[in-house]
PDB file of all heavy atoms in Angstrom:
ATOM      1  N   GLU A   1      -5.960 -13.344  -1.968  1.00  0.00           N
ATOM      2  CA  GLU A   1      -6.813 -12.188  -1.686  1.00  0.00           C
ATOM      3  C   GLU A   1      -6.032 -10.898  -1.844  1.00  0.00           C
ATOM      4  O   GLU A   1      -4.827 -10.826  -1.573  1.00  0.00           O
ATOM      5  CB  GLU A   1      -7.396 -12.260  -0.265  1.00  0.00           C
ATOM      6  CG  GLU A   1      -6.391 -12.118   0.853  1.00  0.00           C
ATOM      7  CD  GLU A   1      -7.042 -11.935   2.216  1.00  0.00           C
ATOM      8  OE1 GLU A   1      -8.276 -11.752   2.294  1.00  0.00           O
ATOM      9  OE2 GLU A   1      -6.296 -11.972   3.213  1.00  0.00           O
ATOM     10  N   GLY A   2      -6.747  -9.881  -2.299  1.00  0.00           N
ATOM     11  CA  GLY A   2      -6.136  -8.566  -2.412  1.00  0.00           C
ATOM     12  C   GLY A   2      -5.980  -7.934  -1.045  1.00  0.00           C
ATOM     13  O   GLY A   2      -6.875  -8.028  -0.209  1.00  0.00           O
ATOM     14  N   VAL A   3      -4.843  -7.295  -0.821  1.00  0.00           N
ATOM     15  CA  VAL A   3      -4.538  -6.645   0.446  1.00  0.00           C
ATOM     16  C   VAL A   3      -4.571  -5.128   0.304  1.00  0.00           C
ATOM     17  O   VAL A   3      -5.170  -4.427   1.127  1.00  0.00           O
ATOM     18  CB  VAL A   3      -3.161  -7.089   0.959  1.00  0.00           C
ATOM     19  CG1 VAL A   3      -2.779  -6.319   2.222  1.00  0.00           C
ATOM     20  CG2 VAL A   3      -3.141  -8.596   1.200  1.00  0.00           C
ATOM     21  N   SER A   4      -3.937  -4.635  -0.753  1.00  0.00           N
ATOM     22  CA  SER A   4      -3.836  -3.193  -0.924  1.00  0.00           C
ATOM     23  C   SER A   4      -3.536  -2.898  -2.379  1.00  0.00           C
ATOM     24  O   SER A   4      -2.991  -3.733  -3.098  1.00  0.00           O
ATOM     25  CB  SER A   4      -2.719  -2.638  -0.033  1.00  0.00           C
ATOM     26  OG  SER A   4      -2.630  -1.228  -0.127  1.00  0.00           O
ATOM     27  N   CYS A   5      -3.888  -1.687  -2.797  1.00  0.00           N
ATOM     28  CA  CYS A   5      -3.644  -1.275  -4.173  1.00  0.00           C
ATOM     29  C   CYS A   5      -3.315   0.206  -4.182  1.00  0.00           C
ATOM     30  O   CYS A   5      -3.878   0.977  -3.388  1.00  0.00           O
ATOM     31  CB  CYS A   5      -4.871  -1.563  -5.029  1.00  0.00           C
ATOM     32  SG  CYS A   5      -4.696  -1.121  -6.760  1.00  0.00           S
ATOM     33  N   ILE A   6      -2.417   0.604  -5.073  1.00  0.00           N
ATOM     34  CA  ILE A   6      -2.049   2.001  -5.197  1.00  0.00           C
ATOM     35  C   ILE A   6      -2.099   2.388  -6.668  1.00  0.00           C
ATOM     36  O   ILE A   6      -1.649   1.640  -7.536  1.00  0.00           O
ATOM     37  CB  ILE A   6      -0.657   2.259  -4.576  1.00  0.00           C
ATOM     38  CG1 ILE A   6      -0.331   3.750  -4.556  1.00  0.00           C
ATOM     39  CG2 ILE A   6       0.434   1.459  -5.294  1.00  0.00           C
ATOM     40  CD1 ILE A   6       0.879   4.096  -3.681  1.00  0.00           C
ATOM     41  N   SER A   7      -2.664   3.554  -6.932  1.00  0.00           N
ATOM     42  CA  SER A   7      -2.789   4.025  -8.307  1.00  0.00           C
ATOM     43  C   SER A   7      -1.427   4.456  -8.845  1.00  0.00           C
ATOM     44  O   SER A   7      -0.469   4.646  -8.096  1.00  0.00           O
ATOM     45  CB  SER A   7      -3.774   5.183  -8.375  1.00  0.00           C
ATOM     46  OG  SER A   7      -3.308   6.278  -7.595  1.00  0.00           O
ATOM     47  N   ARG A   8      -1.375   4.640 -10.146  1.00  0.00           N
ATOM     48  CA  ARG A   8      -0.100   4.943 -10.802  1.00  0.00           C
ATOM     49  C   ARG A   8       0.540   6.216 -10.276  1.00  0.00           C
ATOM     50  O   ARG A   8       1.774   6.301 -10.212  1.00  0.00           O
ATOM     51  CB  ARG A   8      -0.305   5.043 -12.316  1.00  0.00           C
ATOM     52  CG  ARG A   8      -1.258   6.129 -12.758  1.00  0.00           C
ATOM     53  CD  ARG A   8      -1.568   5.997 -14.243  1.00  0.00           C
ATOM     54  NE  ARG A   8      -2.341   4.821 -14.566  1.00  0.00           N
ATOM     55  CZ  ARG A   8      -3.672   4.743 -14.507  1.00  0.00           C
ATOM     56  NH1 ARG A   8      -4.364   5.796 -14.121  1.00  0.00           N
ATOM     57  NH2 ARG A   8      -4.291   3.631 -14.844  1.00  0.00           N
ATOM     58  N   ASP A   9      -0.283   7.168  -9.868  1.00  0.00           N
ATOM     59  CA  ASP A   9       0.278   8.417  -9.351  1.00  0.00           C
ATOM     60  C   ASP A   9       0.364   8.436  -7.835  1.00  0.00           C
ATOM     61  O   ASP A   9       0.819   9.417  -7.244  1.00  0.00           O
ATOM     62  CB  ASP A   9      -0.529   9.618  -9.847  1.00  0.00           C
ATOM     63  CG  ASP A   9      -1.992   9.527  -9.472  1.00  0.00           C
ATOM     64  OD1 ASP A   9      -2.366   8.617  -8.686  1.00  0.00           O
ATOM     65  OD2 ASP A   9      -2.779  10.357  -9.952  1.00  0.00           O
ATOM     66  N   GLY A  10      -0.108   7.372  -7.191  1.00  0.00           N
ATOM     67  CA  GLY A  10      -0.059   7.281  -5.735  1.00  0.00           C
ATOM     68  C   GLY A  10      -1.164   8.021  -5.024  1.00  0.00           C
ATOM     69  O   GLY A  10      -1.222   7.999  -3.792  1.00  0.00           O
ATOM     70  N   ASP A  11      -2.066   8.645  -5.773  1.00  0.00           N
ATOM     71  CA  ASP A  11      -3.101   9.458  -5.132  1.00  0.00           C
ATOM     72  C   ASP A  11      -4.274   8.634  -4.606  1.00  0.00           C
ATOM     73  O   ASP A  11      -4.991   9.088  -3.706  1.00  0.00           O
ATOM     74  CB  ASP A  11      -3.625  10.502  -6.128  1.00  0.00           C
ATOM     75  CG  ASP A  11      -2.632  11.631  -6.333  1.00  0.00           C
ATOM     76  OD1 ASP A  11      -1.662  11.728  -5.542  1.00  0.00           O
ATOM     77  OD2 ASP A  11      -2.806  12.414  -7.281  1.00  0.00           O
ATOM     78  N   SER A  12      -4.482   7.468  -5.173  1.00  0.00           N
ATOM     79  CA  SER A  12      -5.594   6.616  -4.731  1.00  0.00           C
ATOM     80  C   SER A  12      -5.024   5.341  -4.124  1.00  0.00           C
ATOM     81  O   SER A  12      -4.229   4.648  -4.749  1.00  0.00           O
ATOM     82  CB  SER A  12      -6.504   6.277  -5.909  1.00  0.00           C
ATOM     83  OG  SER A  12      -7.087   7.446  -6.436  1.00  0.00           O
ATOM     84  N   ILE A  13      -5.448   5.061  -2.898  1.00  0.00           N
ATOM     85  CA  ILE A  13      -4.932   3.911  -2.149  1.00  0.00           C
ATOM     86  C   ILE A  13      -6.107   3.155  -1.553  1.00  0.00           C
ATOM     87  O   ILE A  13      -7.079   3.763  -1.081  1.00  0.00           O
ATOM     88  CB  ILE A  13      -3.958   4.386  -1.057  1.00  0.00           C
ATOM     89  CG1 ILE A  13      -2.647   4.862  -1.693  1.00  0.00           C
ATOM     90  CG2 ILE A  13      -3.711   3.301  -0.023  1.00  0.00           C
ATOM     91  CD1 ILE A  13      -1.654   5.449  -0.716  1.00  0.00           C
ATOM     92  N   TYR A  14      -5.992   1.839  -1.567  1.00  0.00           N
ATOM     93  CA  TYR A  14      -7.068   0.983  -1.100  1.00  0.00           C
ATOM     94  C   TYR A  14      -6.488  -0.097  -0.180  1.00  0.00           C
ATOM     95  O   TYR A  14      -5.384  -0.588  -0.418  1.00  0.00           O
ATOM     96  CB  TYR A  14      -7.758   0.309  -2.293  1.00  0.00           C
ATOM     97  CG  TYR A  14      -8.207   1.271  -3.363  1.00  0.00           C
ATOM     98  CD1 TYR A  14      -7.324   1.712  -4.339  1.00  0.00           C
ATOM     99  CD2 TYR A  14      -9.521   1.737  -3.405  1.00  0.00           C
ATOM    100  CE1 TYR A  14      -7.721   2.596  -5.317  1.00  0.00           C
ATOM    101  CE2 TYR A  14      -9.928   2.624  -4.393  1.00  0.00           C
ATOM    102  CZ  TYR A  14      -9.029   3.044  -5.344  1.00  0.00           C
ATOM    103  OH  TYR A  14      -9.432   3.932  -6.321  1.00  0.00           O
ATOM    104  N   TYR A  15      -7.265  -0.434   0.847  1.00  0.00           N
ATOM    105  CA  TYR A  15      -6.879  -1.511   1.771  1.00  0.00           C
ATOM    106  C   TYR A  15      -8.095  -2.381   2.065  1.00  0.00           C
ATOM    107  O   TYR A  15      -9.220  -1.886   2.165  1.00  0.00           O
ATOM    108  CB  TYR A  15      -6.369  -0.952   3.108  1.00  0.00           C
ATOM    109  CG  TYR A  15      -5.160  -0.073   3.021  1.00  0.00           C
ATOM    110  CD1 TYR A  15      -5.287   1.308   3.089  1.00  0.00           C
ATOM    111  CD2 TYR A  15      -3.887  -0.618   2.894  1.00  0.00           C
ATOM    112  CE1 TYR A  15      -4.170   2.131   3.022  1.00  0.00           C
ATOM    113  CE2 TYR A  15      -2.771   0.199   2.826  1.00  0.00           C
ATOM    114  CZ  TYR A  15      -2.932   1.583   2.887  1.00  0.00           C
ATOM    115  OH  TYR A  15      -1.819   2.380   2.811  1.00  0.00           O
ATOM    116  N   ILE A  16      -7.850  -3.658   2.283  1.00  0.00           N
ATOM    117  CA  ILE A  16      -8.934  -4.470   2.823  1.00  0.00           C
ATOM    118  C   ILE A  16      -9.092  -4.123   4.301  1.00  0.00           C
ATOM    119  O   ILE A  16      -8.172  -3.628   4.947  1.00  0.00           O
ATOM    120  CB  ILE A  16      -8.665  -5.984   2.664  1.00  0.00           C
ATOM    121  CG1 ILE A  16      -7.336  -6.401   3.317  1.00  0.00           C
ATOM    122  CG2 ILE A  16      -8.731  -6.395   1.225  1.00  0.00           C
ATOM    123  CD1 ILE A  16      -7.154  -7.897   3.399  1.00  0.00           C
ATOM    124  N   ASP A  17     -10.292  -4.365   4.800  1.00  0.00           N
ATOM    125  CA  ASP A  17     -10.620  -3.922   6.163  1.00  0.00           C
ATOM    126  C   ASP A  17      -9.679  -4.499   7.214  1.00  0.00           C
ATOM    127  O   ASP A  17      -9.322  -3.821   8.185  1.00  0.00           O
ATOM    128  CB  ASP A  17     -12.064  -4.295   6.505  1.00  0.00           C
ATOM    129  CG  ASP A  17     -13.073  -3.432   5.773  1.00  0.00           C
ATOM    130  OD1 ASP A  17     -12.684  -2.377   5.231  1.00  0.00           O
ATOM    131  OD2 ASP A  17     -14.267  -3.815   5.739  1.00  0.00           O
ATOM    132  N   SER A  18      -9.258  -5.734   7.011  1.00  0.00           N
ATOM    133  CA  SER A  18      -8.482  -6.408   8.052  1.00  0.00           C
ATOM    134  C   SER A  18      -7.080  -5.831   8.237  1.00  0.00           C
ATOM    135  O   SER A  18      -6.422  -6.128   9.243  1.00  0.00           O
ATOM    136  CB  SER A  18      -8.377  -7.900   7.749  1.00  0.00           C
ATOM    137  OG  SER A  18      -7.739  -8.119   6.513  1.00  0.00           O
ATOM    138  N   VAL A  19      -6.613  -4.996   7.304  1.00  0.00           N
ATOM    139  CA  VAL A  19      -5.266  -4.426   7.449  1.00  0.00           C
ATOM    140  C   VAL A  19      -5.287  -2.913   7.608  1.00  0.00           C
ATOM    141  O   VAL A  19      -4.230  -2.303   7.801  1.00  0.00           O
ATOM    142  CB  VAL A  19      -4.358  -4.822   6.261  1.00  0.00           C
ATOM    143  CG1 VAL A  19      -4.365  -6.333   6.055  1.00  0.00           C
ATOM    144  CG2 VAL A  19      -4.741  -4.086   4.991  1.00  0.00           C
ATOM    145  N   LYS A  20      -6.454  -2.314   7.525  1.00  0.00           N
ATOM    146  CA  LYS A  20      -6.537  -0.856   7.665  1.00  0.00           C
ATOM    147  C   LYS A  20      -5.996  -0.406   9.014  1.00  0.00           C
ATOM    148  O   LYS A  20      -6.305  -0.997  10.041  1.00  0.00           O
ATOM    149  CB  LYS A  20      -7.984  -0.390   7.503  1.00  0.00           C
ATOM    150  CG  LYS A  20      -8.480  -0.410   6.071  1.00  0.00           C
ATOM    151  CD  LYS A  20      -9.929   0.075   5.987  1.00  0.00           C
ATOM    152  CE  LYS A  20     -10.412   0.047   4.552  1.00  0.00           C
ATOM    153  NZ  LYS A  20     -11.851   0.450   4.448  1.00  0.00           N
ATOM    154  N   GLY A  21      -5.166   0.618   8.997  1.00  0.00           N
ATOM    155  CA  GLY A  21      -4.562   1.118  10.219  1.00  0.00           C
ATOM    156  C   GLY A  21      -3.286   0.401  10.608  1.00  0.00           C
ATOM    157  O   GLY A  21      -2.577   0.840  11.510  1.00  0.00           O
ATOM    158  N   ARG A  22      -2.991  -0.714   9.943  1.00  0.00           N
ATOM    159  CA  ARG A  22      -1.774  -1.479  10.243  1.00  0.00           C
ATOM    160  C   ARG A  22      -0.799  -1.514   9.073  1.00  0.00           C
ATOM    161  O   ARG A  22       0.415  -1.515   9.286  1.00  0.00           O
ATOM    162  CB  ARG A  22      -2.144  -2.915  10.627  1.00  0.00           C
ATOM    163  CG  ARG A  22      -3.044  -3.024  11.831  1.00  0.00           C
ATOM    164  CD  ARG A  22      -3.199  -4.484  12.284  1.00  0.00           C
ATOM    165  NE  ARG A  22      -3.801  -5.335  11.262  1.00  0.00           N
ATOM    166  CZ  ARG A  22      -3.217  -6.423  10.760  1.00  0.00           C
ATOM    167  NH1 ARG A  22      -2.006  -6.783  11.175  1.00  0.00           N
ATOM    168  NH2 ARG A  22      -3.841  -7.144   9.851  1.00  0.00           N
ATOM    169  N   PHE A  23      -1.314  -1.571   7.850  1.00  0.00           N
ATOM    170  CA  PHE A  23      -0.475  -1.654   6.659  1.00  0.00           C
ATOM    171  C   PHE A  23      -0.499  -0.314   5.926  1.00  0.00           C
ATOM    172  O   PHE A  23      -1.526   0.375   5.900  1.00  0.00           O
ATOM    173  CB  PHE A  23      -0.980  -2.736   5.712  1.00  0.00           C
ATOM    174  CG  PHE A  23      -0.791  -4.153   6.185  1.00  0.00           C
ATOM    175  CD1 PHE A  23      -0.414  -4.452   7.488  1.00  0.00           C
ATOM    176  CD2 PHE A  23      -0.979  -5.215   5.301  1.00  0.00           C
ATOM    177  CE1 PHE A  23      -0.238  -5.758   7.916  1.00  0.00           C
ATOM    178  CE2 PHE A  23      -0.816  -6.520   5.699  1.00  0.00           C
ATOM    179  CZ  PHE A  23      -0.453  -6.798   7.006  1.00  0.00           C
ATOM    180  N   THR A  24       0.623   0.004   5.289  1.00  0.00           N
ATOM    181  CA  THR A  24       0.716   1.215   4.480  1.00  0.00           C
ATOM    182  C   THR A  24       1.412   0.884   3.169  1.00  0.00           C
ATOM    183  O   THR A  24       2.532   0.376   3.172  1.00  0.00           O
ATOM    184  CB  THR A  24       1.498   2.310   5.205  1.00  0.00           C
ATOM    185  OG1 THR A  24       0.885   2.596   6.465  1.00  0.00           O
ATOM    186  CG2 THR A  24       1.534   3.588   4.366  1.00  0.00           C
ATOM    187  N   ILE A  25       0.735   1.194   2.080  1.00  0.00           N
ATOM    188  CA  ILE A  25       1.324   0.998   0.752  1.00  0.00           C
ATOM    189  C   ILE A  25       1.891   2.324   0.268  1.00  0.00           C
ATOM    190  O   ILE A  25       1.333   3.388   0.555  1.00  0.00           O
ATOM    191  CB  ILE A  25       0.275   0.430  -0.238  1.00  0.00           C
ATOM    192  CG1 ILE A  25       0.936  -0.036  -1.528  1.00  0.00           C
ATOM    193  CG2 ILE A  25      -0.812   1.457  -0.519  1.00  0.00           C
ATOM    194  CD1 ILE A  25      -0.022  -0.805  -2.452  1.00  0.00           C
ATOM    195  N   SER A  26       3.001   2.244  -0.439  1.00  0.00           N
ATOM    196  CA  SER A  26       3.595   3.456  -1.006  1.00  0.00           C
ATOM    197  C   SER A  26       4.383   3.064  -2.241  1.00  0.00           C
ATOM    198  O   SER A  26       4.637   1.881  -2.479  1.00  0.00           O
ATOM    199  CB  SER A  26       4.488   4.158   0.014  1.00  0.00           C
ATOM    200  OG  SER A  26       5.576   3.325   0.395  1.00  0.00           O
ATOM    201  N   ARG A  27       4.761   4.053  -3.013  1.00  0.00           N
ATOM    202  CA  ARG A  27       5.538   3.770  -4.214  1.00  0.00           C
ATOM    203  C   ARG A  27       6.552   4.871  -4.444  1.00  0.00           C
ATOM    204  O   ARG A  27       6.299   6.037  -4.123  1.00  0.00           O
ATOM    205  CB  ARG A  27       4.631   3.595  -5.428  1.00  0.00           C
ATOM    206  CG  ARG A  27       3.866   4.822  -5.852  1.00  0.00           C
ATOM    207  CD  ARG A  27       2.797   4.450  -6.894  1.00  0.00           C
ATOM    208  NE  ARG A  27       3.398   3.942  -8.109  1.00  0.00           N
ATOM    209  CZ  ARG A  27       2.738   3.197  -9.002  1.00  0.00           C
ATOM    210  NH1 ARG A  27       1.464   2.865  -8.790  1.00  0.00           N
ATOM    211  NH2 ARG A  27       3.347   2.789 -10.110  1.00  0.00           N
ATOM    212  N   ASP A  28       7.666   4.490  -5.013  1.00  0.00           N
ATOM    213  CA  ASP A  28       8.707   5.413  -5.427  1.00  0.00           C
ATOM    214  C   ASP A  28       8.961   5.119  -6.901  1.00  0.00           C
ATOM    215  O   ASP A  28       9.719   4.208  -7.248  1.00  0.00           O
ATOM    216  CB  ASP A  28       9.971   5.214  -4.581  1.00  0.00           C
ATOM    217  CG  ASP A  28      11.045   6.241  -4.882  1.00  0.00           C
ATOM    218  OD1 ASP A  28      11.027   6.828  -5.990  1.00  0.00           O
ATOM    219  OD2 ASP A  28      11.926   6.436  -4.025  1.00  0.00           O
ATOM    220  N   ASN A  29       8.300   5.873  -7.754  1.00  0.00           N
ATOM    221  CA  ASN A  29       8.404   5.592  -9.191  1.00  0.00           C
ATOM    222  C   ASN A  29       9.831   5.814  -9.710  1.00  0.00           C
ATOM    223  O   ASN A  29      10.257   5.149 -10.655  1.00  0.00           O
ATOM    224  CB  ASN A  29       7.409   6.442  -9.965  1.00  0.00           C
ATOM    225  CG  ASN A  29       5.976   5.944  -9.792  1.00  0.00           C
ATOM    226  OD1 ASN A  29       5.747   4.772  -9.489  1.00  0.00           O
ATOM    227  ND2 ASN A  29       5.022   6.828  -9.992  1.00  0.00           N
ATOM    228  N   ALA A  30      10.541   6.717  -9.100  1.00  0.00           N
ATOM    229  CA  ALA A  30      11.926   6.965  -9.530  1.00  0.00           C
ATOM    230  C   ALA A  30      12.802   5.733  -9.279  1.00  0.00           C
ATOM    231  O   ALA A  30      13.754   5.475 -10.023  1.00  0.00           O
ATOM    232  CB  ALA A  30      12.488   8.171  -8.803  1.00  0.00           C
ATOM    233  N   LYS A  31      12.468   4.989  -8.230  1.00  0.00           N
ATOM    234  CA  LYS A  31      13.202   3.762  -7.913  1.00  0.00           C
ATOM    235  C   LYS A  31      12.506   2.516  -8.455  1.00  0.00           C
ATOM    236  O   LYS A  31      12.973   1.398  -8.219  1.00  0.00           O
ATOM    237  CB  LYS A  31      13.383   3.629  -6.406  1.00  0.00           C
ATOM    238  CG  LYS A  31      14.267   4.707  -5.785  1.00  0.00           C
ATOM    239  CD  LYS A  31      14.457   4.473  -4.296  1.00  0.00           C
ATOM    240  CE  LYS A  31      15.384   5.523  -3.696  1.00  0.00           C
ATOM    241  NZ  LYS A  31      15.584   5.315  -2.237  1.00  0.00           N
ATOM    242  N   ALA A  32      11.383   2.733  -9.138  1.00  0.00           N
ATOM    243  CA  ALA A  32      10.617   1.611  -9.699  1.00  0.00           C
ATOM    244  C   ALA A  32      10.301   0.567  -8.637  1.00  0.00           C
ATOM    245  O   ALA A  32      10.420  -0.645  -8.868  1.00  0.00           O
ATOM    246  CB  ALA A  32      11.368   0.980 -10.868  1.00  0.00           C
ATOM    247  N   THR A  33       9.875   1.034  -7.488  1.00  0.00           N
ATOM    248  CA  THR A  33       9.621   0.134  -6.356  1.00  0.00           C
ATOM    249  C   THR A  33       8.333   0.532  -5.641  1.00  0.00           C
ATOM    250  O   THR A  33       8.053   1.722  -5.463  1.00  0.00           O
ATOM    251  CB  THR A  33      10.799   0.166  -5.372  1.00  0.00           C
ATOM    252  OG1 THR A  33      11.999  -0.187  -6.057  1.00  0.00           O
ATOM    253  CG2 THR A  33      10.583  -0.824  -4.231  1.00  0.00           C
ATOM    254  N   VAL A  34       7.592  -0.487  -5.245  1.00  0.00           N
ATOM    255  CA  VAL A  34       6.396  -0.303  -4.427  1.00  0.00           C
ATOM    256  C   VAL A  34       6.626  -1.011  -3.098  1.00  0.00           C
ATOM    257  O   VAL A  34       7.225  -2.087  -3.064  1.00  0.00           O
ATOM    258  CB  VAL A  34       5.148  -0.867  -5.132  1.00  0.00           C
ATOM    259  CG1 VAL A  34       3.916  -0.727  -4.254  1.00  0.00           C
ATOM    260  CG2 VAL A  34       4.937  -0.160  -6.468  1.00  0.00           C
ATOM    261  N   TYR A  35       6.158  -0.408  -2.025  1.00  0.00           N
ATOM    262  CA  TYR A  35       6.404  -0.930  -0.684  1.00  0.00           C
ATOM    263  C   TYR A  35       5.093  -1.271   0.018  1.00  0.00           C
ATOM    264  O   TYR A  35       4.041  -0.691  -0.263  1.00  0.00           O
ATOM    265  CB  TYR A  35       7.155   0.106   0.160  1.00  0.00           C
ATOM    266  CG  TYR A  35       8.434   0.591  -0.464  1.00  0.00           C
ATOM    267  CD1 TYR A  35       8.476   1.784  -1.201  1.00  0.00           C
ATOM    268  CD2 TYR A  35       9.619  -0.139  -0.326  1.00  0.00           C
ATOM    269  CE1 TYR A  35       9.661   2.222  -1.777  1.00  0.00           C
ATOM    270  CE2 TYR A  35      10.796   0.309  -0.892  1.00  0.00           C
ATOM    271  CZ  TYR A  35      10.798   1.486  -1.622  1.00  0.00           C
ATOM    272  OH  TYR A  35      11.974   1.923  -2.193  1.00  0.00           O
ATOM    273  N   LEU A  36       5.201  -2.192   0.953  1.00  0.00           N
ATOM    274  CA  LEU A  36       4.088  -2.471   1.852  1.00  0.00           C
ATOM    275  C   LEU A  36       4.663  -2.544   3.263  1.00  0.00           C
ATOM    276  O   LEU A  36       5.343  -3.518   3.610  1.00  0.00           O
ATOM    277  CB  LEU A  36       3.379  -3.779   1.496  1.00  0.00           C
ATOM    278  CG  LEU A  36       2.101  -4.055   2.293  1.00  0.00           C
ATOM    279  CD1 LEU A  36       1.013  -3.042   1.932  1.00  0.00           C
ATOM    280  CD2 LEU A  36       1.592  -5.478   2.042  1.00  0.00           C
ATOM    281  N   GLN A  37       4.426  -1.490   4.030  1.00  0.00           N
ATOM    282  CA  GLN A  37       4.848  -1.464   5.430  1.00  0.00           C
ATOM    283  C   GLN A  37       3.761  -2.138   6.259  1.00  0.00           C
ATOM    284  O   GLN A  37       2.603  -1.722   6.227  1.00  0.00           O
ATOM    285  CB  GLN A  37       5.050  -0.021   5.897  1.00  0.00           C
ATOM    286  CG  GLN A  37       5.419   0.110   7.356  1.00  0.00           C
ATOM    287  CD  GLN A  37       6.795  -0.442   7.664  1.00  0.00           C
ATOM    288  OE1 GLN A  37       7.748  -0.212   6.920  1.00  0.00           O
ATOM    289  NE2 GLN A  37       6.923  -1.174   8.773  1.00  0.00           N
ATOM    290  N   MET A  38       4.153  -3.162   6.989  1.00  0.00           N
ATOM    291  CA  MET A  38       3.190  -3.947   7.768  1.00  0.00           C
ATOM    292  C   MET A  38       3.559  -3.845   9.243  1.00  0.00           C
ATOM    293  O   MET A  38       4.633  -4.289   9.655  1.00  0.00           O
ATOM    294  CB  MET A  38       3.207  -5.406   7.305  1.00  0.00           C
ATOM    295  CG  MET A  38       2.975  -5.568   5.811  1.00  0.00           C
ATOM    296  SD  MET A  38       2.795  -7.298   5.309  1.00  0.00           S
ATOM    297  CE  MET A  38       4.387  -7.945   5.752  1.00  0.00           C
ATOM    298  N   ASN A  39       2.678  -3.248  10.014  1.00  0.00           N
ATOM    299  CA  ASN A  39       2.875  -3.089  11.454  1.00  0.00           C
ATOM    300  C   ASN A  39       1.826  -3.879  12.218  1.00  0.00           C
ATOM    301  O   ASN A  39       0.819  -4.299  11.646  1.00  0.00           O
ATOM    302  CB  ASN A  39       2.790  -1.613  11.835  1.00  0.00           C
ATOM    303  CG  ASN A  39       3.848  -0.762  11.168  1.00  0.00           C
ATOM    304  OD1 ASN A  39       4.959  -1.224  10.901  1.00  0.00           O
ATOM    305  ND2 ASN A  39       3.514   0.486  10.893  1.00  0.00           N
ATOM    306  N   SER A  40       2.073  -4.068  13.497  1.00  0.00           N
ATOM    307  CA  SER A  40       1.126  -4.786  14.372  1.00  0.00           C
ATOM    308  C   SER A  40       0.681  -6.103  13.739  1.00  0.00           C
ATOM    309  O   SER A  40      -0.509  -6.420  13.691  1.00  0.00           O
ATOM    310  CB  SER A  40      -0.093  -3.899  14.665  1.00  0.00           C
ATOM    311  OG  SER A  40       0.312  -2.682  15.259  1.00  0.00           O
ATOM    312  N   LEU A  41       1.646  -6.845  13.267  1.00  0.00           N
ATOM    313  CA  LEU A  41       1.334  -8.086  12.548  1.00  0.00           C
ATOM    314  C   LEU A  41       0.673  -9.108  13.457  1.00  0.00           C
ATOM    315  O   LEU A  41       0.984  -9.198  14.655  1.00  0.00           O
ATOM    316  CB  LEU A  41       2.605  -8.648  11.921  1.00  0.00           C
ATOM    317  CG  LEU A  41       3.038  -7.937  10.628  1.00  0.00           C
ATOM    318  CD1 LEU A  41       4.489  -8.212  10.315  1.00  0.00           C
ATOM    319  CD2 LEU A  41       2.142  -8.350   9.473  1.00  0.00           C
TER     320      LEU A  41
END
């Protein structure tokens, strides 16, 4: 199942309902890395 998605520029972000408010997606294109911070697991 999809959890989260981030657009190429980082301006559009999507979450499934069950993780909203707990997970945060981000990206650092300079480091070629995408992150998923997961809290309140």
